[in-house]
Amino acid sequence: MKLYTKTICPKCLWVKSELQRARLRADIINIDLDEQAKQTIMEAGFLSVPVLEYEGKFIGDVKEVISQIELIAQ
C-alpha cells in the first residue's frame, strides 16, 4: 500500500492519521520530493493528493480512501 502526499496538505495529514489509527502501514511518498511518483499518479489520472495505491488500484477521493482504510483494517 502506498500513499502519495505533498509537504503541505491537510487532507494528506488526515489520511495519515487514519492509517495510524487503524494501525496500518503504508509507504508514504511525498510527490514534492519524488518526481517519478508525481508522474505515476498523473499517468493514473490524478492531479491532486492524497492518492492511495492499493492492490494496483489508485484511489483519489478522500472519503473513498478512508473507506478503503476501514475495510483493510477489519
PDB file of N, CA and C in Angstrom:
ATOM      1  N   MET A   1       0.847  -1.157   0.000  1.00  0.00           N
ATOM      2  CA  MET A   1       0.000   0.000   0.000  1.00  0.00           C
ATOM      3  C   MET A   1       0.900   1.230   0.000  1.00  0.00           C
ATOM      4  N   LYS A   2       0.548   2.182  -0.863  1.00  0.00           N
ATOM      5  CA  LYS A   2       1.302   3.429  -0.949  1.00  0.00           C
ATOM      6  C   LYS A   2       0.336   4.602  -0.812  1.00  0.00           C
ATOM      7  N   LEU A   3       0.790   5.629  -0.118  1.00  0.00           N
ATOM      8  CA  LEU A   3       0.021   6.860   0.000  1.00  0.00           C
ATOM      9  C   LEU A   3       0.868   7.987  -0.571  1.00  0.00           C
ATOM     10  N   TYR A   4       0.371   8.589  -1.640  1.00  0.00           N
ATOM     11  CA  TYR A   4       1.055   9.714  -2.274  1.00  0.00           C
ATOM     12  C   TYR A   4       0.544  11.000  -1.626  1.00  0.00           C
ATOM     13  N   THR A   5       1.471  11.836  -1.179  1.00  0.00           N
ATOM     14  CA  THR A   5       1.135  13.058  -0.451  1.00  0.00           C
ATOM     15  C   THR A   5       1.980  14.224  -0.946  1.00  0.00           C
ATOM     16  N   LYS A   6       1.742  15.384  -0.340  1.00  0.00           N
ATOM     17  CA  LYS A   6       2.580  16.572  -0.555  1.00  0.00           C
ATOM     18  C   LYS A   6       3.031  17.071   0.810  1.00  0.00           C
ATOM     19  N   THR A   7       3.992  17.969   0.805  1.00  0.00           N
ATOM     20  CA  THR A   7       4.539  18.504   2.051  1.00  0.00           C
ATOM     21  C   THR A   7       3.470  19.216   2.871  1.00  0.00           C
ATOM     22  N   ILE A   8       2.719  20.098   2.248  1.00  0.00           N
ATOM     23  CA  ILE A   8       1.663  20.837   2.940  1.00  0.00           C
ATOM     24  C   ILE A   8       0.329  20.413   2.342  1.00  0.00           C
ATOM     25  N   CYS A   9      -0.405  19.578   3.096  1.00  0.00           N
ATOM     26  CA  CYS A   9      -1.650  19.015   2.582  1.00  0.00           C
ATOM     27  C   CYS A   9      -2.506  18.544   3.756  1.00  0.00           C
ATOM     28  N   PRO A  10      -3.500  19.329   4.165  1.00  0.00           N
ATOM     29  CA  PRO A  10      -4.344  18.926   5.294  1.00  0.00           C
ATOM     30  C   PRO A  10      -5.052  17.586   5.080  1.00  0.00           C
ATOM     31  N   LYS A  11      -5.512  17.329   3.866  1.00  0.00           N
ATOM     32  CA  LYS A  11      -6.194  16.052   3.610  1.00  0.00           C
ATOM     33  C   LYS A  11      -5.220  14.888   3.736  1.00  0.00           C
ATOM     34  N   CYS A  12      -3.986  15.114   3.323  1.00  0.00           N
ATOM     35  CA  CYS A  12      -2.953  14.071   3.454  1.00  0.00           C
ATOM     36  C   CYS A  12      -2.706  13.756   4.924  1.00  0.00           C
ATOM     37  N   LEU A  13      -2.631  14.790   5.750  1.00  0.00           N
ATOM     38  CA  LEU A  13      -2.435  14.589   7.184  1.00  0.00           C
ATOM     39  C   LEU A  13      -3.588  13.800   7.793  1.00  0.00           C
ATOM     40  N   TRP A  14      -4.807  14.092   7.341  1.00  0.00           N
ATOM     41  CA  TRP A  14      -5.999  13.390   7.825  1.00  0.00           C
ATOM     42  C   TRP A  14      -5.895  11.899   7.484  1.00  0.00           C
ATOM     43  N   VAL A  15      -5.557  11.601   6.227  1.00  0.00           N
ATOM     44  CA  VAL A  15      -5.454  10.205   5.809  1.00  0.00           C
ATOM     45  C   VAL A  15      -4.336   9.497   6.568  1.00  0.00           C
ATOM     46  N   LYS A  16      -3.197  10.161   6.756  1.00  0.00           N
ATOM     47  CA  LYS A  16      -2.103   9.557   7.519  1.00  0.00           C
ATOM     48  C   LYS A  16      -2.549   9.238   8.940  1.00  0.00           C
ATOM     49  N   SER A  17      -3.308  10.141   9.553  1.00  0.00           N
ATOM     50  CA  SER A  17      -3.782   9.893  10.920  1.00  0.00           C
ATOM     51  C   SER A  17      -4.756   8.720  10.952  1.00  0.00           C
ATOM     52  N   GLU A  18      -5.561   8.572   9.906  1.00  0.00           N
ATOM     53  CA  GLU A  18      -6.495   7.442   9.842  1.00  0.00           C
ATOM     54  C   GLU A  18      -5.732   6.123   9.677  1.00  0.00           C
ATOM     55  N   LEU A  19      -4.653   6.140   8.913  1.00  0.00           N
ATOM     56  CA  LEU A  19      -3.810   4.945   8.787  1.00  0.00           C
ATOM     57  C   LEU A  19      -3.229   4.555  10.140  1.00  0.00           C
ATOM     58  N   GLN A  20      -2.733   5.547  10.876  1.00  0.00           N
ATOM     59  CA  GLN A  20      -2.166   5.281  12.203  1.00  0.00           C
ATOM     60  C   GLN A  20      -3.237   4.742  13.146  1.00  0.00           C
ATOM     61  N   ARG A  21      -4.402   5.351  13.109  1.00  0.00           N
ATOM     62  CA  ARG A  21      -5.489   4.931  13.989  1.00  0.00           C
ATOM     63  C   ARG A  21      -5.891   3.479  13.711  1.00  0.00           C
ATOM     64  N   ALA A  22      -5.862   3.100  12.425  1.00  0.00           N
ATOM     65  CA  ALA A  22      -6.218   1.741  12.029  1.00  0.00           C
ATOM     66  C   ALA A  22      -5.051   0.767  12.189  1.00  0.00           C
ATOM     67  N   ARG A  23      -3.899   1.301  12.611  1.00  0.00           N
ATOM     68  CA  ARG A  23      -2.673   0.504  12.789  1.00  0.00           C
ATOM     69  C   ARG A  23      -2.256  -0.186  11.490  1.00  0.00           C
ATOM     70  N   LEU A  24      -2.365   0.560  10.391  1.00  0.00           N
ATOM     71  CA  LEU A  24      -1.942   0.060   9.090  1.00  0.00           C
ATOM     72  C   LEU A  24      -0.664   0.757   8.661  1.00  0.00           C
ATOM     73  N   ARG A  25       0.162   0.014   7.931  1.00  0.00           N
ATOM     74  CA  ARG A  25       1.402   0.588   7.414  1.00  0.00           C
ATOM     75  C   ARG A  25       1.237   0.863   5.931  1.00  0.00           C
ATOM     76  N   ALA A  26       1.797   1.962   5.509  1.00  0.00           N
ATOM     77  CA  ALA A  26       1.802   2.315   4.090  1.00  0.00           C
ATOM     78  C   ALA A  26       3.112   3.028   3.799  1.00  0.00           C
ATOM     79  N   ASP A  27       3.584   2.874   2.580  1.00  0.00           N
ATOM     80  CA  ASP A  27       4.724   3.659   2.135  1.00  0.00           C
ATOM     81  C   ASP A  27       4.205   5.062   1.853  1.00  0.00           C
ATOM     82  N   ILE A  28       4.719   6.054   2.559  1.00  0.00           N
ATOM     83  CA  ILE A  28       4.310   7.442   2.360  1.00  0.00           C
ATOM     84  C   ILE A  28       5.282   8.059   1.359  1.00  0.00           C
ATOM     85  N   ILE A  29       4.739   8.508   0.243  1.00  0.00           N
ATOM     86  CA  ILE A  29       5.572   9.042  -0.832  1.00  0.00           C
ATOM     87  C   ILE A  29       5.192  10.501  -1.065  1.00  0.00           C
ATOM     88  N   ASN A  30       6.136  11.383  -0.800  1.00  0.00           N
ATOM     89  CA  ASN A  30       5.919  12.817  -0.971  1.00  0.00           C
ATOM     90  C   ASN A  30       6.259  13.192  -2.415  1.00  0.00           C
ATOM     91  N   ILE A  31       5.238  13.581  -3.186  1.00  0.00           N
ATOM     92  CA  ILE A  31       5.471  13.884  -4.603  1.00  0.00           C
ATOM     93  C   ILE A  31       6.225  15.197  -4.800  1.00  0.00           C
ATOM     94  N   ASP A  32       6.323  16.006  -3.755  1.00  0.00           N
ATOM     95  CA  ASP A  32       7.158  17.211  -3.841  1.00  0.00           C
ATOM     96  C   ASP A  32       8.638  16.831  -3.931  1.00  0.00           C
ATOM     97  N   LEU A  33       8.971  15.639  -3.416  1.00  0.00           N
ATOM     98  CA  LEU A  33      10.360  15.198  -3.357  1.00  0.00           C
ATOM     99  C   LEU A  33      10.669  14.066  -4.333  1.00  0.00           C
ATOM    100  N   ASP A  34       9.640  13.541  -4.998  1.00  0.00           N
ATOM    101  CA  ASP A  34       9.814  12.375  -5.865  1.00  0.00           C
ATOM    102  C   ASP A  34       9.098  12.603  -7.191  1.00  0.00           C
ATOM    103  N   GLU A  35       9.824  13.080  -8.179  1.00  0.00           N
ATOM    104  CA  GLU A  35       9.239  13.411  -9.485  1.00  0.00           C
ATOM    105  C   GLU A  35       8.651  12.182 -10.170  1.00  0.00           C
ATOM    106  N   GLN A  36       9.295  11.035 -10.021  1.00  0.00           N
ATOM    107  CA  GLN A  36       8.770   9.809 -10.638  1.00  0.00           C
ATOM    108  C   GLN A  36       7.414   9.439 -10.056  1.00  0.00           C
ATOM    109  N   ALA A  37       7.271   9.581  -8.748  1.00  0.00           N
ATOM    110  CA  ALA A  37       5.992   9.292  -8.098  1.00  0.00           C
ATOM    111  C   ALA A  37       4.917  10.264  -8.586  1.00  0.00           C
ATOM    112  N   LYS A  38       5.286  11.520  -8.752  1.00  0.00           N
ATOM    113  CA  LYS A  38       4.349  12.517  -9.266  1.00  0.00           C
ATOM    114  C   LYS A  38       3.878  12.105 -10.658  1.00  0.00           C
ATOM    115  N   GLN A  39       4.798  11.668 -11.497  1.00  0.00           N
ATOM    116  CA  GLN A  39       4.434  11.210 -12.838  1.00  0.00           C
ATOM    117  C   GLN A  39       3.522   9.986 -12.771  1.00  0.00           C
ATOM    118  N   THR A  40       3.787   9.101 -11.836  1.00  0.00           N
ATOM    119  CA  THR A  40       2.971   7.890 -11.682  1.00  0.00           C
ATOM    120  C   THR A  40       1.515   8.229 -11.429  1.00  0.00           C
ATOM    121  N   ILE A  41       1.265   9.131 -10.489  1.00  0.00           N
ATOM    122  CA  ILE A  41      -0.140   9.443 -10.195  1.00  0.00           C
ATOM    123  C   ILE A  41      -0.770  10.286 -11.296  1.00  0.00           C
ATOM    124  N   MET A  42       0.026  11.114 -11.956  1.00  0.00           N
ATOM    125  CA  MET A  42      -0.510  11.885 -13.078  1.00  0.00           C
ATOM    126  C   MET A  42      -0.914  10.947 -14.223  1.00  0.00           C
ATOM    127  N   GLU A  43      -0.080   9.943 -14.489  1.00  0.00           N
ATOM    128  CA  GLU A  43      -0.409   8.967 -15.528  1.00  0.00           C
ATOM    129  C   GLU A  43      -1.641   8.150 -15.162  1.00  0.00           C
ATOM    130  N   ALA A  44      -1.908   8.015 -13.861  1.00  0.00           N
ATOM    131  CA  ALA A  44      -3.103   7.312 -13.398  1.00  0.00           C
ATOM    132  C   ALA A  44      -4.337   8.220 -13.439  1.00  0.00           C
ATOM    133  N   GLY A  45      -4.132   9.495 -13.801  1.00  0.00           N
ATOM    134  CA  GLY A  45      -5.260  10.407 -13.971  1.00  0.00           C
ATOM    135  C   GLY A  45      -5.529  11.344 -12.814  1.00  0.00           C
ATOM    136  N   PHE A  46      -4.585  11.463 -11.882  1.00  0.00           N
ATOM    137  CA  PHE A  46      -4.799  12.308 -10.711  1.00  0.00           C
ATOM    138  C   PHE A  46      -3.954  13.568 -10.783  1.00  0.00           C
ATOM    139  N   LEU A  47      -4.568  14.683 -10.393  1.00  0.00           N
ATOM    140  CA  LEU A  47      -3.869  15.967 -10.378  1.00  0.00           C
ATOM    141  C   LEU A  47      -3.713  16.519  -8.970  1.00  0.00           C
ATOM    142  N   SER A  48      -4.200  15.770  -7.988  1.00  0.00           N
ATOM    143  CA  SER A  48      -4.084  16.219  -6.597  1.00  0.00           C
ATOM    144  C   SER A  48      -3.875  15.006  -5.702  1.00  0.00           C
ATOM    145  N   VAL A  49      -3.459  15.270  -4.499  1.00  0.00           N
ATOM    146  CA  VAL A  49      -3.237  14.232  -3.496  1.00  0.00           C
ATOM    147  C   VAL A  49      -4.151  14.507  -2.306  1.00  0.00           C
ATOM    148  N   PRO A  50      -4.387  13.566  -1.451  1.00  0.00           N
ATOM    149  CA  PRO A  50      -3.773  12.264  -1.340  1.00  0.00           C
ATOM    150  C   PRO A  50      -4.331  11.266  -2.357  1.00  0.00           C
ATOM    151  N   VAL A  51      -3.478  10.334  -2.742  1.00  0.00           N
ATOM    152  CA  VAL A  51      -3.860   9.212  -3.595  1.00  0.00           C
ATOM    153  C   VAL A  51      -3.337   7.954  -2.924  1.00  0.00           C
ATOM    154  N   LEU A  52      -4.230   7.000  -2.740  1.00  0.00           N
ATOM    155  CA  LEU A  52      -3.862   5.719  -2.150  1.00  0.00           C
ATOM    156  C   LEU A  52      -3.740   4.691  -3.268  1.00  0.00           C
ATOM    157  N   GLU A  53      -2.627   3.981  -3.282  1.00  0.00           N
ATOM    158  CA  GLU A  53      -2.448   2.872  -4.223  1.00  0.00           C
ATOM    159  C   GLU A  53      -2.526   1.593  -3.412  1.00  0.00           C
ATOM    160  N   TYR A  54      -3.503   0.760  -3.744  1.00  0.00           N
ATOM    161  CA  TYR A  54      -3.706  -0.485  -3.010  1.00  0.00           C
ATOM    162  C   TYR A  54      -4.073  -1.587  -3.989  1.00  0.00           C
ATOM    163  N   GLU A  55      -3.302  -2.644  -3.987  1.00  0.00           N
ATOM    164  CA  GLU A  55      -3.515  -3.794  -4.875  1.00  0.00           C
ATOM    165  C   GLU A  55      -3.645  -3.362  -6.338  1.00  0.00           C
ATOM    166  N   GLY A  56      -2.781  -2.437  -6.748  1.00  0.00           N
ATOM    167  CA  GLY A  56      -2.761  -1.984  -8.133  1.00  0.00           C
ATOM    168  C   GLY A  56      -3.827  -0.979  -8.517  1.00  0.00           C
ATOM    169  N   LYS A  57      -4.666  -0.598  -7.560  1.00  0.00           N
ATOM    170  CA  LYS A  57      -5.756   0.349  -7.803  1.00  0.00           C
ATOM    171  C   LYS A  57      -5.412   1.683  -7.147  1.00  0.00           C
ATOM    172  N   PHE A  58      -5.694   2.768  -7.851  1.00  0.00           N
ATOM    173  CA  PHE A  58      -5.455   4.107  -7.318  1.00  0.00           C
ATOM    174  C   PHE A  58      -6.783   4.712  -6.875  1.00  0.00           C
ATOM    175  N   ILE A  59      -6.793   5.285  -5.679  1.00  0.00           N
ATOM    176  CA  ILE A  59      -7.996   5.929  -5.135  1.00  0.00           C
ATOM    177  C   ILE A  59      -7.616   7.352  -4.762  1.00  0.00           C
ATOM    178  N   GLY A  60      -8.341   8.330  -5.309  1.00  0.00           N
ATOM    179  CA  GLY A  60      -8.017   9.726  -5.072  1.00  0.00           C
ATOM    180  C   GLY A  60      -9.048  10.502  -4.285  1.00  0.00           C
ATOM    181  N   ASP A  61     -10.246   9.957  -4.151  1.00  0.00           N
ATOM    182  CA  ASP A  61     -11.280  10.634  -3.363  1.00  0.00           C
ATOM    183  C   ASP A  61     -11.033  10.341  -1.886  1.00  0.00           C
ATOM    184  N   VAL A  62     -10.916  11.391  -1.085  1.00  0.00           N
ATOM    185  CA  VAL A  62     -10.539  11.215   0.327  1.00  0.00           C
ATOM    186  C   VAL A  62     -11.525  10.310   1.066  1.00  0.00           C
ATOM    187  N   LYS A  63     -12.804  10.486   0.835  1.00  0.00           N
ATOM    188  CA  LYS A  63     -13.792   9.645   1.523  1.00  0.00           C
ATOM    189  C   LYS A  63     -13.637   8.183   1.119  1.00  0.00           C
ATOM    190  N   GLU A  64     -13.340   7.936  -0.154  1.00  0.00           N
ATOM    191  CA  GLU A  64     -13.104   6.565  -0.608  1.00  0.00           C
ATOM    192  C   GLU A  64     -11.823   6.003   0.009  1.00  0.00           C
ATOM    193  N   VAL A  65     -10.808   6.843   0.132  1.00  0.00           N
ATOM    194  CA  VAL A  65      -9.552   6.409   0.758  1.00  0.00           C
ATOM    195  C   VAL A  65      -9.812   5.990   2.201  1.00  0.00           C
ATOM    196  N   ILE A  66     -10.547   6.801   2.937  1.00  0.00           N
ATOM    197  CA  ILE A  66     -10.867   6.481   4.338  1.00  0.00           C
ATOM    198  C   ILE A  66     -11.685   5.192   4.413  1.00  0.00           C
ATOM    199  N   SER A  67     -12.648   5.036   3.517  1.00  0.00           N
ATOM    200  CA  SER A  67     -13.451   3.806   3.489  1.00  0.00           C
ATOM    201  C   SER A  67     -12.583   2.592   3.212  1.00  0.00           C
ATOM    202  N   GLN A  68     -11.636   2.727   2.283  1.00  0.00           N
ATOM    203  CA  GLN A  68     -10.734   1.619   1.964  1.00  0.00           C
ATOM    204  C   GLN A  68      -9.873   1.262   3.171  1.00  0.00           C
ATOM    205  N   ILE A  69      -9.385   2.266   3.870  1.00  0.00           N
ATOM    206  CA  ILE A  69      -8.592   2.020   5.082  1.00  0.00           C
ATOM    207  C   ILE A  69      -9.415   1.251   6.106  1.00  0.00           C
ATOM    208  N   GLU A  70     -10.666   1.645   6.290  1.00  0.00           N
ATOM    209  CA  GLU A  70     -11.540   0.957   7.246  1.00  0.00           C
ATOM    210  C   GLU A  70     -11.773  -0.492   6.841  1.00  0.00           C
ATOM    211  N   LEU A  71     -11.943  -0.733   5.532  1.00  0.00           N
ATOM    212  CA  LEU A  71     -12.144  -2.104   5.050  1.00  0.00           C
ATOM    213  C   LEU A  71     -10.911  -2.965   5.278  1.00  0.00           C
ATOM    214  N   ILE A  72      -9.752  -2.417   4.985  1.00  0.00           N
ATOM    215  CA  ILE A  72      -8.497  -3.162   5.148  1.00  0.00           C
ATOM    216  C   ILE A  72      -8.268  -3.492   6.617  1.00  0.00           C
ATOM    217  N   ALA A  73      -8.619  -2.573   7.477  1.00  0.00           N
ATOM    218  CA  ALA A  73      -8.357  -2.728   8.915  1.00  0.00           C
ATOM    219  C   ALA A  73      -9.227  -3.809   9.568  1.00  0.00           C
ATOM    220  N   GLN A  74     -10.304  -4.188   8.925  1.00  0.00           N
ATOM    221  CA  GLN A  74     -11.217  -5.188   9.528  1.00  0.00           C
ATOM    222  C   GLN A  74     -10.627  -6.561   9.554  1.00  0.00           C
TER     223      GLN A  74
END
